[in-house]
Protein backbone atom coordinates (compact mmCIF):
# COMPACT_ATOMS: atom_id res chain seq x y z
CA UNK A 1 14.30 -7.15 -11.04
CA UNK A 2 12.96 -10.70 -10.34
CA UNK A 3 13.10 -13.36 -12.67
CA UNK A 4 9.44 -13.61 -12.73
CA UNK A 5 9.28 -10.03 -14.12
CA UNK A 6 11.97 -10.62 -16.61
CA UNK A 7 10.44 -13.86 -18.03
CA UNK A 8 6.95 -12.35 -18.09
CA UNK A 9 7.97 -9.21 -19.80
CA UNK A 10 10.03 -11.08 -22.34
CA UNK A 11 7.18 -13.53 -23.08
CA UNK A 12 4.89 -10.58 -23.77
CA UNK A 13 7.37 -9.16 -25.93
CA UNK A 14 8.17 -12.32 -28.04
CA UNK A 15 4.34 -13.21 -28.25
CA UNK A 16 3.55 -9.61 -29.80
CA UNK A 17 6.39 -10.01 -32.25
CA UNK A 18 5.26 -13.37 -33.26
CA UNK A 19 1.72 -12.25 -33.72
CA UNK A 20 2.84 -9.52 -36.14
CA UNK A 21 4.71 -12.02 -38.54
CA UNK A 22 2.10 -15.07 -38.04
CA UNK A 23 -1.30 -13.33 -38.33
CA UNK A 24 -0.15 -10.46 -40.78
CA UNK A 25 -1.76 -11.97 -43.77
CA UNK A 26 -4.95 -12.84 -41.44
CA UNK A 27 -5.24 -9.26 -40.42
CA UNK A 28 -4.96 -7.92 -44.01
CA UNK A 29 -7.72 -10.41 -45.14
CA UNK A 30 -10.19 -9.44 -42.39
CA UNK A 31 -9.44 -5.87 -42.79
CA UNK A 32 -11.74 -5.86 -46.03
CA UNK A 33 -14.72 -7.55 -44.17
CA UNK A 34 -14.67 -5.66 -40.76
CA UNK A 35 -11.94 -3.13 -40.51
CA UNK A 36 -12.93 -1.87 -36.78
CA UNK A 37 -12.88 -5.48 -35.64
CA UNK A 38 -9.47 -6.18 -37.11
CA UNK A 39 -7.98 -3.09 -35.71
CA UNK A 40 -9.24 -3.98 -32.32
CA UNK A 41 -7.86 -7.44 -32.41
CA UNK A 42 -4.58 -6.06 -33.57
CA UNK A 43 -4.48 -3.80 -30.55
CA UNK A 44 -5.38 -6.51 -28.19
CA UNK A 45 -3.36 -9.50 -29.63
CA UNK A 46 -0.18 -7.42 -30.81
CA UNK A 47 0.01 -3.87 -29.17
CA UNK A 48 -1.15 -4.57 -25.79
CA UNK A 49 1.40 -7.45 -25.07
CA UNK A 50 4.35 -5.52 -26.66
CA UNK A 51 3.51 -2.38 -24.40
CA UNK A 52 2.99 -4.35 -21.32
CA UNK A 53 6.27 -6.32 -21.84
CA UNK A 54 8.29 -3.28 -22.45
CA UNK A 55 6.65 -1.78 -19.27
CA UNK A 56 7.60 -4.72 -17.19
CA UNK A 57 11.00 -4.98 -18.33
CA UNK A 58 11.84 -1.27 -18.06
CA UNK A 59 10.21 -1.06 -14.78
CA UNK A 60 8.22 1.89 -15.93
CA UNK A 61 6.00 3.54 -13.45
CA UNK A 62 3.51 5.77 -15.43
CA UNK A 63 2.31 7.74 -12.45
CA UNK A 64 5.64 8.14 -10.77
CA UNK A 65 6.24 11.56 -12.25
CA UNK A 66 2.81 12.72 -11.22
CA UNK A 67 3.59 11.34 -7.59
CA UNK A 68 6.77 12.86 -7.37
CA UNK A 69 5.60 16.37 -8.30
CA UNK A 70 2.96 16.18 -5.87
CA UNK A 71 5.32 15.17 -3.27
CA UNK A 72 7.83 17.79 -4.10
CA UNK A 73 4.73 20.47 -3.79
CA UNK A 74 3.93 19.30 -0.43
CA UNK A 75 7.70 19.28 0.82
CA UNK A 76 7.90 22.74 -0.42
CA UNK A 77 4.71 23.98 1.11
CA UNK A 78 5.76 22.37 4.54
CA UNK A 79 9.10 24.00 4.21
CA UNK A 80 7.73 27.54 3.40
CA UNK A 81 5.73 27.84 6.63
CA UNK A 82 6.15 31.21 8.30
CA UNK A 83 7.49 31.47 11.94
CA UNK A 84 3.85 32.52 13.00
CA UNK A 85 2.38 29.41 11.29
CA UNK A 86 4.79 27.21 12.85
CA UNK A 87 4.10 28.74 16.37
CA UNK A 88 0.35 28.28 15.70
CA UNK A 89 0.78 24.84 14.98
CA UNK A 90 2.92 24.21 17.92
CA UNK A 91 0.40 25.92 20.23
CA UNK A 92 -2.55 23.82 18.62
CA UNK A 93 -0.57 20.82 19.16
CA UNK A 94 0.25 21.46 22.90
CA UNK A 95 -3.32 22.63 23.62
CA UNK A 96 -4.71 19.15 22.17
CA UNK A 97 -2.29 17.18 24.03
CA UNK A 98 -3.17 19.15 27.13
CA UNK A 99 -6.73 18.42 26.64
CA UNK A 100 -6.12 14.87 26.57
CA UNK A 101 -4.16 14.74 29.46
CA UNK A 102 -6.50 16.80 31.71
CA UNK A 103 -4.80 20.06 31.44
CA UNK A 104 -1.47 18.98 32.87
CA UNK A 105 1.62 18.23 31.01
CA UNK A 106 5.27 17.20 31.61
CA UNK A 107 8.11 17.84 29.36
CA UNK A 108 8.20 13.79 28.83
CA UNK A 109 4.55 13.85 27.83
CA UNK A 110 5.07 16.32 25.15
CA UNK A 111 8.18 14.81 23.95
CA UNK A 112 6.52 11.27 23.78
CA UNK A 113 3.41 12.53 22.14
CA UNK A 114 5.08 14.83 19.50
CA UNK A 115 7.88 15.02 17.19
CA UNK A 116 9.87 17.39 19.69
CA UNK A 117 12.92 16.18 21.35
CA UNK A 118 13.09 17.12 25.23
CA UNK A 119 14.72 20.56 24.89
CA UNK A 120 12.26 21.66 22.14
CA UNK A 121 9.49 20.39 24.41
CA UNK A 122 10.66 22.24 27.47
CA UNK A 123 11.08 25.50 25.45
CA UNK A 124 7.51 25.06 23.86
CA UNK A 125 6.12 24.73 27.12
CA UNK A 126 8.06 27.68 28.71
CA UNK A 127 6.65 29.71 25.69
CA UNK A 128 3.23 28.91 26.74
CA UNK A 129 4.12 29.83 30.44
CA UNK A 130 5.46 33.08 29.31
CA UNK A 131 2.26 33.83 27.41
CA UNK A 132 0.18 33.18 30.32
CA UNK A 133 -1.35 30.02 28.83
CA UNK A 134 -0.10 27.63 31.46
CA UNK A 135 1.35 27.86 34.93
CA UNK A 136 4.17 25.85 36.52
CA UNK A 137 3.47 23.47 39.30
CA UNK A 138 6.02 21.16 41.09
CA UNK A 139 4.73 17.66 41.95
CA UNK A 140 5.73 16.10 45.33
CA UNK A 141 8.43 14.09 43.64
CA UNK A 142 9.96 17.17 41.97
CA UNK A 143 8.81 16.83 38.50
CA UNK A 144 7.77 19.91 36.76
CA UNK A 145 4.10 20.15 35.78
CA UNK A 146 2.49 22.53 33.25
CA UNK A 147 -1.13 23.26 34.04
CA UNK A 148 -2.95 24.99 31.26
CA UNK A 149 -5.58 27.51 31.95
CA UNK A 150 -8.96 26.98 30.67
CA UNK A 151 -8.99 23.21 30.07
CA UNK A 152 -11.76 21.70 31.99
CA UNK A 153 -12.87 18.13 32.30
CA UNK A 154 -16.50 17.21 31.36
CA UNK A 155 -17.37 16.92 34.80
CA UNK A 156 -15.86 20.43 35.76
CA UNK A 157 -17.85 21.95 32.89
CA UNK A 158 -21.05 20.44 34.32
CA UNK A 159 -20.61 21.21 37.63
CA UNK A 160 -19.76 24.87 37.13
CA UNK A 161 -22.31 27.39 37.79
CA UNK A 162 -23.96 29.97 35.06
CA UNK A 163 -23.16 33.74 35.51
CA UNK A 164 -26.69 34.34 36.61
CA UNK A 165 -26.16 31.76 39.41
CA UNK A 166 -22.97 33.37 40.63
CA UNK A 167 -24.40 36.99 40.49
CA UNK A 168 -27.62 35.77 42.55
CA UNK A 169 -25.22 34.19 45.17
CA UNK A 170 -23.44 37.56 45.61
CA UNK A 171 -26.71 39.50 46.17
């Protein structure tokens, strides 16, 4: 604990205690005239400094319990994912990444842009190939490329013909 916190907390506690003894008679005298105002002043001048002094000295964090409960709930929720939910999240992550990279990924791309290590990235890409979501191609320098089906650039989407146009060409 820093020296400022210690001095500040101690000063507030000492101030609150002094206020109890010094102004005790004043509070009793004014209690007859205006009890609500006297009680309000008592809380502001005595109770609040004592409370905040103790809070500062004890390093009390009133919302720490709530935050820790929420964090543990979120951790448990993440830990209890089913294998299908994990696979679904993985597929979505890979498809988003493939979309941003023009439909072509390498193992290194996946490893760099996700939390996966190289082995996990390769297994994930091979899973996508196994389930016919991607094709394997080899680049001229020998790098293995995974080309995802159905991911088109905006230019390709605009250049493609409609079904009616294709049927008219065949006729």
